[in-house]
């Protein structure tokens, strides 16, 4: 509600200033000074009751803040006084009802009063989780068990994550079947069938005649895979494939080599790599290697870093050139550079000779930090094709890594002779200029690189190669 007169604004601002001073003192650990300021604010508002009464909602909120300050300072009686003043001004002030309830809850033998306040707050805000939680706690302390459970149930209806409070109740009263039943139903609702089953087992242990719990256990923990299969098929018919999948998986644990179960699961999720691998292993175990190989190939198609297919296929045909090429590529893509290098070397030992092969070998050596050997590999590429730009670029990068900047610059010059608009070559040439402290050359080289690829503007600012020139005006001008 807006202020009607500037005098009301003045009173509110003065009270808030005192509250802010109190909060500052409280934050810095000066509790006595904080209490003094809260009392001063309370007296001030009480002295200005005529003005306060003209804007009840605003001053109700201010009284509530003072009450919170008193509560935090352990001044419970003053806190109650403030909350009552707040509620006299605005009976619909939910925070004031809840703060008053929490204050009573913190005082000895005042739980009935706390419960009354929580109920008043919940009348105004029925889904207030904090109020429901604390109301349930009060009911437990008052030994009103059924009402407490009902309140916790309402809390779970609002947000299933509130189950942590049920866990707490179960720990406090482990022999109460009602609590375990509530726990089990909640786990089932969340889809956690394993924990639900354990909770239902506890219900049956405490109450052997509970038929509902027994029926739930039959569904959640079937004694054999046939029962699980029947239920899973039913779930599929009902359009619940994910639930069926869970039952099939449970059955598979009992019969890990049951291909029918694997096929059923793969019908639901054809791209489940664990299931595909399991079936491939079973087929291989049965001597059905060609069928198994198709599945291993499927695994690689799903995840190109999975090289099981190539290993299995090469066991059958160790000198299959295309397979070896593909295996090397897959290992490189999986960042397994040593394995990729071994594969490419094997191809070379077998007499293979190609631009791609030597370039791939050079790339592996570069990634492994063996830069001189990488240069030799890229030179082999250039012997076969002197205009191979990527090889010149890679050779220049390798020379740069070992600090042979003149040779590196020569390689990048060969790049731009052939393809003048190759941004990487210009960027490396700029890095070399920076390393050599040649600011005159740096400007046109880095400017050219950024013109061709704007991303280099930001990259250069973080690049270690430019560390020694970062404070130079010429560098700042280029990257700004």
Protein backbone atom coordinates (compact mmCIF):
# COMPACT_ATOMS: atom_id res chain seq x y z
CA UNK A 1 0.00 0.00 0.00
CA UNK A 2 1.60 3.33 -0.98
CA UNK A 3 2.33 6.02 1.60
CA UNK A 4 -0.34 8.64 1.83
CA UNK A 5 1.83 11.35 3.37
CA UNK A 6 5.51 12.20 3.44
CA UNK A 7 5.44 11.97 7.23
CA UNK A 8 4.71 8.25 7.01
CA UNK A 9 7.62 7.87 4.63
CA UNK A 10 9.86 9.67 7.11
CA UNK A 11 8.84 7.38 9.99
CA UNK A 12 9.36 4.25 7.87
CA UNK A 13 12.76 5.40 6.66
CA UNK A 14 13.91 6.29 10.17
CA UNK A 15 12.86 2.86 11.48
CA UNK A 16 14.56 1.09 8.59
CA UNK A 17 17.75 3.05 9.25
CA UNK A 18 17.77 1.82 12.85
CA UNK A 19 17.14 -1.75 11.66
CA UNK A 20 20.02 -1.49 9.18
CA UNK A 21 22.33 -0.29 11.97
CA UNK A 22 21.19 -3.23 14.09
CA UNK A 23 21.83 -5.71 11.26
CA UNK A 24 25.32 -4.28 10.72
CA UNK A 25 26.10 -4.68 14.42
CA UNK A 26 24.67 -8.21 14.43
CA UNK A 27 26.72 -9.16 11.38
CA UNK A 28 29.90 -7.93 13.04
CA UNK A 29 29.14 -9.90 16.22
CA UNK A 30 28.09 -6.93 18.35
CA UNK A 31 24.85 -8.46 19.57
CA UNK A 32 24.26 -6.07 22.49
CA UNK A 33 24.52 -3.05 20.18
CA UNK A 34 22.19 -4.75 17.72
CA UNK A 35 19.61 -5.38 20.45
CA UNK A 36 19.88 -1.73 21.51
CA UNK A 37 19.11 -0.57 17.95
CA UNK A 38 16.18 -3.00 17.60
CA UNK A 39 14.73 -1.73 20.90
CA UNK A 40 15.22 1.84 19.74
CA UNK A 41 13.37 1.08 16.49
CA UNK A 42 10.54 -0.62 18.44
CA UNK A 43 10.16 2.33 20.82
CA UNK A 44 10.24 4.75 17.95
CA UNK A 45 7.40 3.00 16.11
CA UNK A 46 5.36 2.65 19.29
CA UNK A 47 5.73 6.39 19.87
CA UNK A 48 4.48 7.05 16.32
CA UNK A 49 1.43 4.76 16.49
CA UNK A 50 -0.93 7.31 14.96
CA UNK A 51 1.21 7.52 11.84
CA UNK A 52 1.95 3.76 11.82
CA UNK A 53 -1.75 2.90 11.87
CA UNK A 54 -2.32 4.77 8.60
CA UNK A 55 -0.11 2.37 6.58
CA UNK A 56 -0.69 -1.00 8.29
CA UNK A 57 0.81 -3.30 5.65
CA UNK A 58 4.08 -1.41 5.38
CA UNK A 59 4.59 -1.01 9.12
CA UNK A 60 3.51 -4.61 9.71
CA UNK A 61 6.45 -5.67 7.53
CA UNK A 62 8.78 -3.38 9.48
CA UNK A 63 7.64 -4.79 12.85
CA UNK A 64 8.24 -8.27 11.43
CA UNK A 65 11.82 -7.34 10.53
CA UNK A 66 12.45 -6.04 14.03
CA UNK A 67 10.99 -9.25 15.43
CA UNK A 68 13.32 -11.33 13.26
CA UNK A 69 16.25 -9.34 14.58
CA UNK A 70 15.23 -9.95 18.18
CA UNK A 71 14.75 -13.67 17.43
CA UNK A 72 18.25 -13.95 15.93
CA UNK A 73 19.61 -12.21 19.01
CA UNK A 74 17.84 -14.65 21.34
CA UNK A 75 15.40 -12.02 22.62
CA UNK A 76 12.32 -14.20 22.23
CA UNK A 77 9.89 -12.15 24.34
CA UNK A 78 10.64 -8.98 22.41
CA UNK A 79 10.37 -10.98 19.15
CA UNK A 80 6.87 -12.19 20.11
CA UNK A 81 5.88 -8.62 20.96
CA UNK A 82 6.98 -7.42 17.52
CA UNK A 83 5.22 -10.21 15.65
CA UNK A 84 2.02 -9.51 17.55
CA UNK A 85 2.29 -5.81 16.64
CA UNK A 86 2.83 -6.84 13.02
CA UNK A 87 -0.24 -9.09 13.05
CA UNK A 88 -2.40 -6.48 14.76
CA UNK A 89 -1.64 -4.18 11.86
CA UNK A 90 -1.98 -6.85 9.14
CA UNK A 91 -3.51 -10.23 10.14
CA UNK A 92 -2.64 -11.57 6.66
CA UNK A 93 1.09 -11.15 7.13
CA UNK A 94 2.17 -14.78 6.56
CA UNK A 95 5.89 -14.28 7.40
CA UNK A 96 4.87 -12.75 10.74
CA UNK A 97 2.69 -15.78 11.57
CA UNK A 98 5.49 -18.17 10.69
CA UNK A 99 8.15 -16.18 12.54
CA UNK A 100 5.93 -16.03 15.60
CA UNK A 101 5.40 -19.79 15.34
CA UNK A 102 9.14 -20.45 15.04
CA UNK A 103 9.80 -18.24 18.06
CA UNK A 104 7.30 -20.20 20.18
CA UNK A 105 8.80 -23.43 18.77
CA UNK A 106 12.19 -22.31 20.14
CA UNK A 107 10.77 -21.67 23.63
CA UNK A 108 10.21 -24.35 26.25
CA UNK A 109 6.70 -25.86 26.46
CA UNK A 110 5.22 -23.45 23.92
CA UNK A 111 4.57 -25.99 21.14
CA UNK A 112 0.78 -25.68 21.28
CA UNK A 113 1.09 -21.95 20.65
CA UNK A 114 3.55 -22.65 17.82
CA UNK A 115 1.05 -25.08 16.25
CA UNK A 116 -1.72 -22.47 16.38
CA UNK A 117 0.51 -19.95 14.60
CA UNK A 118 1.59 -22.43 11.92
CA UNK A 119 -2.07 -23.25 11.27
CA UNK A 120 -2.93 -19.57 10.91
CA UNK A 121 -0.08 -19.12 8.44
CA UNK A 122 -1.17 -22.21 6.46
CA UNK A 123 -4.72 -20.90 6.20
CA UNK A 124 -3.27 -17.99 4.26
CA UNK A 125 -0.62 -20.00 2.36
CA UNK A 126 -1.63 -23.70 2.30
CA UNK A 127 1.42 -24.85 0.31
CA UNK A 128 4.08 -23.13 2.35
CA UNK A 129 6.66 -25.92 2.66
CA UNK A 130 8.53 -24.38 5.56
CA UNK A 131 5.32 -24.05 7.56
CA UNK A 132 4.26 -27.63 6.76
CA UNK A 133 7.64 -29.01 7.73
CA UNK A 134 7.76 -27.22 11.05
CA UNK A 135 4.12 -27.98 11.77
CA UNK A 136 4.89 -31.69 11.29
CA UNK A 137 7.86 -31.38 13.65
CA UNK A 138 5.68 -29.73 16.29
CA UNK A 139 3.04 -32.45 15.93
CA UNK A 140 5.70 -35.11 16.44
CA UNK A 141 6.86 -33.40 19.62
CA UNK A 142 3.25 -33.30 20.78
CA UNK A 143 2.95 -37.07 20.04
CA UNK A 144 0.21 -36.46 17.47
CA UNK A 145 1.70 -39.08 15.13
CA UNK A 146 -1.09 -39.52 12.60
CA UNK A 147 -1.45 -35.79 12.07
CA UNK A 148 2.31 -35.49 11.66
CA UNK A 149 2.32 -38.23 8.98
CA UNK A 150 -0.59 -36.56 7.20
CA UNK A 151 1.29 -33.25 7.19
CA UNK A 152 4.44 -34.88 5.85
CA UNK A 153 2.34 -36.48 3.11
CA UNK A 154 1.09 -33.05 2.09
CA UNK A 155 4.70 -31.89 2.01
CA UNK A 156 5.60 -34.75 -0.36
CA UNK A 157 2.64 -33.98 -2.60
CA UNK A 158 4.02 -30.48 -3.06
CA UNK A 159 7.62 -31.58 -3.70
CA UNK A 160 8.86 -35.21 -3.64
CA UNK A 161 12.35 -33.94 -2.74
CA UNK A 162 11.01 -33.34 0.78
CA UNK A 163 11.41 -37.08 1.32
CA UNK A 164 14.56 -36.30 3.33
CA UNK A 165 12.26 -35.32 6.20
CA UNK A 166 10.53 -38.72 6.02
CA UNK A 167 13.94 -40.38 6.24
CA UNK A 168 14.56 -38.44 9.42
CA UNK A 169 11.27 -39.60 10.96
CA UNK A 170 12.02 -43.22 10.07
CA UNK A 171 15.40 -43.02 11.78
CA UNK A 172 13.75 -41.62 14.89
CA UNK A 173 10.94 -44.23 14.96
CA UNK A 174 12.27 -47.33 13.14
CA UNK A 175 9.55 -49.64 14.51
CA UNK A 176 6.58 -47.72 13.14
CA UNK A 177 5.12 -49.54 10.06
CA UNK A 178 3.12 -46.45 9.07
CA UNK A 179 6.31 -44.48 8.57
CA UNK A 180 7.91 -47.26 6.51
CA UNK A 181 4.74 -47.49 4.42
CA UNK A 182 4.92 -43.77 3.75
CA UNK A 183 8.59 -44.13 2.83
CA UNK A 184 7.88 -47.03 0.47
CA UNK A 185 5.04 -45.25 -1.34
CA UNK A 186 7.21 -42.21 -1.85
CA UNK A 187 10.12 -44.23 -3.27
CA UNK A 188 7.71 -45.99 -5.61
CA UNK A 189 6.30 -42.66 -6.77
CA UNK A 190 9.85 -41.48 -7.51
CA UNK A 191 10.54 -44.66 -9.50
CA UNK A 192 13.18 -45.96 -7.07
CA UNK A 193 11.92 -49.53 -7.05
CA UNK A 194 14.85 -50.99 -5.10
CA UNK A 195 14.44 -48.67 -2.12
CA UNK A 196 10.67 -49.01 -2.30
CA UNK A 197 11.00 -52.80 -2.06
CA UNK A 198 13.32 -52.55 0.94
CA UNK A 199 10.84 -50.27 2.69
CA UNK A 200 7.93 -52.63 1.94
CA UNK A 201 10.01 -55.51 3.34
CA UNK A 202 10.29 -53.55 6.56
CA UNK A 203 6.50 -52.95 6.56
CA UNK A 204 5.87 -56.71 6.23
CA UNK A 205 8.41 -57.42 8.95
CA UNK A 206 6.56 -55.10 11.35
CA UNK A 207 3.06 -55.92 10.09
CA UNK A 208 2.96 -59.41 8.48
CA UNK A 209 -0.77 -59.10 7.64
CA UNK A 210 -0.33 -56.08 5.37
CA UNK A 211 -1.62 -57.51 2.06
CA UNK A 212 -0.92 -54.33 0.09
CA UNK A 213 2.75 -54.42 1.07
CA UNK A 214 2.97 -58.11 0.12
CA UNK A 215 1.45 -57.44 -3.30
CA UNK A 216 3.86 -54.58 -3.91
CA UNK A 217 6.78 -56.86 -3.03
CA UNK A 218 5.60 -59.44 -5.57
CA UNK A 219 5.75 -56.74 -8.24
CA UNK A 220 9.00 -55.18 -7.10
CA UNK A 221 10.98 -58.32 -6.21
CA UNK A 222 9.77 -61.26 -8.32
CA UNK A 223 11.33 -64.59 -7.37
CA UNK A 224 12.17 -65.64 -10.94
CA UNK A 225 12.79 -64.12 -14.36
CA UNK A 226 9.58 -65.55 -15.86
CA UNK A 227 7.53 -63.42 -13.52
CA UNK A 228 9.58 -60.38 -14.48
CA UNK A 229 9.18 -61.20 -18.17
CA UNK A 230 5.42 -61.48 -17.88
CA UNK A 231 5.20 -58.14 -16.10
CA UNK A 232 7.55 -56.53 -18.58
CA UNK A 233 5.52 -57.70 -21.56
CA UNK A 234 2.43 -56.27 -19.91
CA UNK A 235 4.18 -52.94 -19.39
CA UNK A 236 5.14 -52.84 -23.06
CA UNK A 237 1.52 -53.40 -24.02
CA UNK A 238 0.58 -50.53 -21.72
CA UNK A 239 3.05 -48.25 -23.49
CA UNK A 240 5.56 -48.15 -20.63
CA UNK A 241 8.81 -49.31 -22.27
CA UNK A 242 11.16 -47.74 -19.73
CA UNK A 243 9.50 -49.57 -16.84
CA UNK A 244 9.60 -52.79 -18.87
CA UNK A 245 13.28 -52.22 -19.52
CA UNK A 246 14.02 -52.12 -15.79
CA UNK A 247 12.25 -55.45 -15.27
CA UNK A 248 14.11 -57.05 -18.19
CA UNK A 249 17.39 -55.82 -16.71
CA UNK A 250 16.56 -57.37 -13.34
CA UNK A 251 15.79 -60.66 -15.06
CA UNK A 252 19.05 -60.42 -17.00
CA UNK A 253 20.97 -60.20 -13.74
CA UNK A 254 19.49 -63.59 -12.84
CA UNK A 255 20.18 -65.04 -16.30
CA UNK A 256 23.11 -63.02 -17.70
CA UNK A 257 23.45 -65.21 -20.83
CA UNK A 258 19.79 -65.14 -21.84
CA UNK A 259 19.84 -63.80 -25.42
CA UNK A 260 16.05 -63.54 -25.51
CA UNK A 261 16.23 -61.01 -22.70
CA UNK A 262 19.00 -59.12 -24.48
CA UNK A 263 16.92 -59.00 -27.66
CA UNK A 264 13.91 -57.71 -25.73
CA UNK A 265 16.00 -54.97 -24.17
CA UNK A 266 17.52 -54.03 -27.51
CA UNK A 267 14.05 -53.74 -29.00
CA UNK A 268 13.35 -51.07 -26.39
CA UNK A 269 16.73 -49.31 -26.66
CA UNK A 270 18.64 -50.31 -29.82
CA UNK A 271 21.51 -47.92 -29.07
CA UNK A 272 22.34 -49.15 -25.55
CA UNK A 273 26.06 -49.84 -25.97
CA UNK A 274 26.33 -52.03 -22.86
CA UNK A 275 23.62 -54.33 -24.17
CA UNK A 276 25.11 -54.44 -27.68
CA UNK A 277 28.52 -55.32 -26.25
CA UNK A 278 27.01 -58.00 -24.02
CA UNK A 279 25.24 -59.64 -26.95
CA UNK A 280 28.37 -59.45 -29.11
CA UNK A 281 30.39 -61.14 -26.37
CA UNK A 282 27.80 -63.91 -26.06
CA UNK A 283 27.77 -64.49 -29.83
CA UNK A 284 31.56 -64.59 -29.87
CA UNK A 285 31.52 -67.06 -27.00
CA UNK A 286 29.21 -69.28 -29.06
CA UNK A 287 31.61 -69.12 -32.00
CA UNK A 288 29.41 -66.80 -34.08
CA UNK A 289 32.18 -64.33 -34.85
CA UNK A 290 30.75 -62.77 -38.05
CA UNK A 291 27.49 -61.93 -36.21
CA UNK A 292 29.47 -60.63 -33.24
CA UNK A 293 31.64 -58.54 -35.55
CA UNK A 294 28.56 -56.75 -36.93
CA UNK A 295 27.62 -55.75 -33.41
CA UNK A 296 31.14 -54.53 -32.63
CA UNK A 297 30.94 -52.45 -35.84
CA UNK A 298 27.63 -51.04 -34.57
CA UNK A 299 29.36 -50.03 -31.34
CA UNK A 300 31.99 -48.11 -33.32
CA UNK A 301 29.29 -46.42 -35.40
CA UNK A 302 27.65 -45.22 -32.18
CA UNK A 303 30.95 -44.20 -30.55
CA UNK A 304 33.86 -43.69 -32.93
CA UNK A 305 36.35 -43.89 -30.04
CA UNK A 306 35.36 -47.53 -29.44
CA UNK A 307 37.95 -49.59 -31.37
CA UNK A 308 36.81 -53.05 -30.24
CA UNK A 309 35.52 -53.71 -33.75
CA UNK A 310 38.93 -53.12 -35.34
CA UNK A 311 40.73 -55.28 -32.77
CA UNK A 312 38.28 -58.14 -33.26
CA UNK A 313 38.30 -57.81 -37.05
CA UNK A 314 42.10 -57.70 -37.16
CA UNK A 315 42.26 -60.87 -35.08
CA UNK A 316 40.52 -62.52 -38.03
CA UNK A 317 42.57 -60.68 -40.69
CA UNK A 318 45.70 -59.06 -39.20
CA UNK A 319 46.91 -57.63 -42.54
CA UNK A 320 43.72 -55.91 -43.59
CA UNK A 321 45.07 -52.54 -44.77
CA UNK A 322 41.79 -50.54 -44.69
CA UNK A 323 41.04 -51.84 -41.20
CA UNK A 324 44.46 -50.76 -39.97
CA UNK A 325 43.99 -47.28 -41.44
CA UNK A 326 40.59 -46.98 -39.79
CA UNK A 327 41.91 -48.28 -36.48
CA UNK A 328 44.68 -45.68 -36.50
CA UNK A 329 42.19 -42.91 -37.25
CA UNK A 330 39.88 -44.12 -34.47
CA UNK A 331 42.73 -44.20 -31.95
CA UNK A 332 43.81 -40.71 -32.97
CA UNK A 333 40.25 -39.37 -32.61
CA UNK A 334 40.11 -40.98 -29.17
CA UNK A 335 43.35 -39.11 -28.32
CA UNK A 336 45.21 -42.41 -27.92
CA UNK A 337 48.16 -41.10 -29.88
CA UNK A 338 50.70 -43.79 -28.94
CA UNK A 339 48.39 -46.56 -30.10
CA UNK A 340 47.60 -44.64 -33.30
CA UNK A 341 51.33 -44.16 -33.96
CA UNK A 342 52.00 -47.89 -33.51
CA UNK A 343 49.21 -48.66 -35.97
CA UNK A 344 50.52 -46.23 -38.62
CA UNK A 345 54.06 -47.59 -38.14
CA UNK A 346 52.75 -51.10 -38.70
CA UNK A 347 51.27 -49.98 -42.02
CA UNK A 348 54.62 -48.45 -43.02
CA UNK A 349 56.43 -51.66 -42.03
CA UNK A 350 53.99 -53.50 -44.28
CA UNK A 351 55.16 -51.37 -47.21
CA UNK A 352 52.34 -48.81 -47.25
CA UNK A 353 53.35 -45.42 -48.59
CA UNK A 354 50.93 -42.50 -48.85
CA UNK A 355 50.61 -38.82 -48.06
CA UNK A 356 47.82 -39.46 -45.55
CA UNK A 357 49.79 -42.17 -43.77
CA UNK A 358 52.90 -40.06 -43.25
CA UNK A 359 50.85 -37.02 -42.30
CA UNK A 360 48.92 -39.08 -39.74
CA UNK A 361 52.18 -40.37 -38.31
CA UNK A 362 53.51 -36.82 -38.09
CA UNK A 363 50.32 -35.66 -36.35
CA UNK A 364 50.71 -38.43 -33.73
CA UNK A 365 54.35 -37.53 -33.11
CA UNK A 366 53.38 -33.86 -32.78
CA UNK A 367 50.69 -34.69 -30.19
CA UNK A 368 53.22 -36.83 -28.29
CA UNK A 369 55.69 -33.92 -28.19
CA UNK A 370 58.21 -35.66 -30.47
CA UNK A 371 58.53 -32.61 -32.71
CA UNK A 372 61.79 -33.43 -34.55
CA UNK A 373 60.44 -36.83 -35.57
CA UNK A 374 57.23 -35.10 -36.60
CA UNK A 375 59.23 -32.82 -38.91
CA UNK A 376 60.79 -35.90 -40.55
CA UNK A 377 57.33 -37.37 -41.13
CA UNK A 378 56.03 -34.14 -42.69
CA UNK A 379 59.17 -34.02 -44.89
CA UNK A 380 58.23 -37.43 -46.24
CA UNK A 381 54.84 -36.00 -47.19
CA UNK A 382 56.52 -33.09 -48.96
CA UNK A 383 58.82 -35.43 -50.90
CA UNK A 384 55.69 -37.02 -52.33
CA UNK A 385 53.82 -33.76 -52.81
CA UNK A 386 55.84 -30.52 -52.45
CA UNK A 387 52.70 -28.37 -52.62
CA UNK A 388 50.94 -30.10 -49.72
CA UNK A 389 49.98 -27.00 -47.70
CA UNK A 390 48.86 -28.86 -44.56
CA UNK A 391 52.25 -30.59 -44.35
CA UNK A 392 54.09 -27.24 -44.61
CA UNK A 393 51.79 -25.79 -41.94
CA UNK A 394 52.30 -28.79 -39.63
CA UNK A 395 56.06 -28.73 -40.19
CA UNK A 396 56.17 -25.05 -39.30
CA UNK A 397 54.19 -25.68 -36.10
CA UNK A 398 56.57 -28.48 -35.10
CA UNK A 399 59.66 -26.28 -35.66
CA UNK A 400 57.96 -23.52 -33.61
CA UNK A 401 57.49 -25.91 -30.67
CA UNK A 402 61.24 -26.63 -30.48
CA UNK A 403 62.18 -22.95 -30.88
CA UNK A 404 63.67 -23.19 -34.38
CA UNK A 405 61.94 -20.01 -35.45
CA UNK A 406 63.85 -19.39 -38.69
CA UNK A 407 62.99 -22.83 -40.04
CA UNK A 408 59.45 -22.40 -38.74
CA UNK A 409 59.12 -19.06 -40.58
CA UNK A 410 60.44 -20.64 -43.78
CA UNK A 411 57.77 -23.35 -43.59
CA UNK A 412 54.98 -20.83 -43.07
CA UNK A 413 56.31 -18.75 -45.96
CA UNK A 414 55.91 -21.86 -48.12
CA UNK A 415 52.30 -22.04 -46.96
CA UNK A 416 51.41 -18.48 -47.92
CA UNK A 417 53.22 -18.84 -51.25
CA UNK A 418 50.71 -21.52 -52.13
CA UNK A 419 47.63 -20.32 -50.24
CA UNK A 420 47.98 -16.70 -49.22
CA UNK A 421 44.80 -16.61 -47.18
CA UNK A 422 45.71 -19.36 -44.71
CA UNK A 423 45.05 -17.62 -41.35
CA UNK A 424 47.00 -20.15 -39.26
CA UNK A 425 50.20 -19.47 -41.17
CA UNK A 426 49.94 -15.71 -40.62
CA UNK A 427 49.16 -16.22 -36.94
CA UNK A 428 52.21 -18.43 -36.42
CA UNK A 429 54.38 -15.94 -38.34
CA UNK A 430 53.13 -13.27 -35.91
CA UNK A 431 54.00 -15.53 -32.95
CA UNK A 432 57.51 -15.94 -34.31
CA UNK A 433 57.86 -12.18 -34.68
CA UNK A 434 56.73 -11.76 -31.06
CA UNK A 435 59.22 -14.38 -29.84
CA UNK A 436 62.01 -12.60 -31.73
CA UNK A 437 60.90 -9.20 -30.42
CA UNK A 438 60.32 -7.87 -33.93
CA UNK A 439 57.49 -5.40 -33.25
CA UNK A 440 57.78 -3.87 -36.71
CA UNK A 441 56.98 -7.23 -38.32
CA UNK A 442 54.47 -8.23 -35.65
CA UNK A 443 51.91 -5.60 -36.60
CA UNK A 444 51.27 -6.54 -40.24
CA UNK A 445 51.47 -10.29 -39.55
CA UNK A 446 49.03 -10.36 -36.62
CA UNK A 447 46.72 -7.85 -38.33
CA UNK A 448 46.60 -10.11 -41.39
CA UNK A 449 45.82 -13.17 -39.26
CA UNK A 450 42.99 -11.36 -37.46
CA UNK A 451 41.60 -10.06 -40.75
CA UNK A 452 41.39 -13.65 -42.00
CA UNK A 453 40.09 -15.06 -38.71
CA UNK A 454 38.62 -12.71 -36.10
CA UNK A 455 38.97 -15.39 -33.38
CA UNK A 456 42.71 -14.72 -33.29
CA UNK A 457 42.06 -11.30 -31.73
CA UNK A 458 40.95 -12.91 -28.47
CA UNK A 459 43.28 -15.89 -28.72
CA UNK A 460 46.34 -13.66 -29.04
CA UNK A 461 45.57 -11.98 -25.73
CA UNK A 462 45.91 -15.32 -23.92
CA UNK A 463 48.66 -16.85 -26.07
CA UNK A 464 51.94 -17.40 -24.22
CA UNK A 465 53.87 -16.55 -27.40
CA UNK A 466 52.84 -12.89 -27.04
CA UNK A 467 53.62 -12.70 -23.32
CA UNK A 468 56.67 -10.44 -23.78
CA UNK A 469 54.87 -7.96 -26.04
CA UNK A 470 51.48 -7.74 -24.34
CA UNK A 471 52.29 -4.38 -22.78
CA UNK A 472 53.55 -2.88 -26.03
CA UNK A 473 51.30 -0.24 -27.61
CA UNK A 474 51.53 -1.88 -31.02
CA UNK A 475 50.15 -5.16 -29.66
CA UNK A 476 47.38 -3.44 -27.70
CA UNK A 477 46.39 -1.50 -30.80
CA UNK A 478 46.10 -4.69 -32.90
CA UNK A 479 44.04 -6.75 -30.45
CA UNK A 480 41.84 -3.95 -29.10
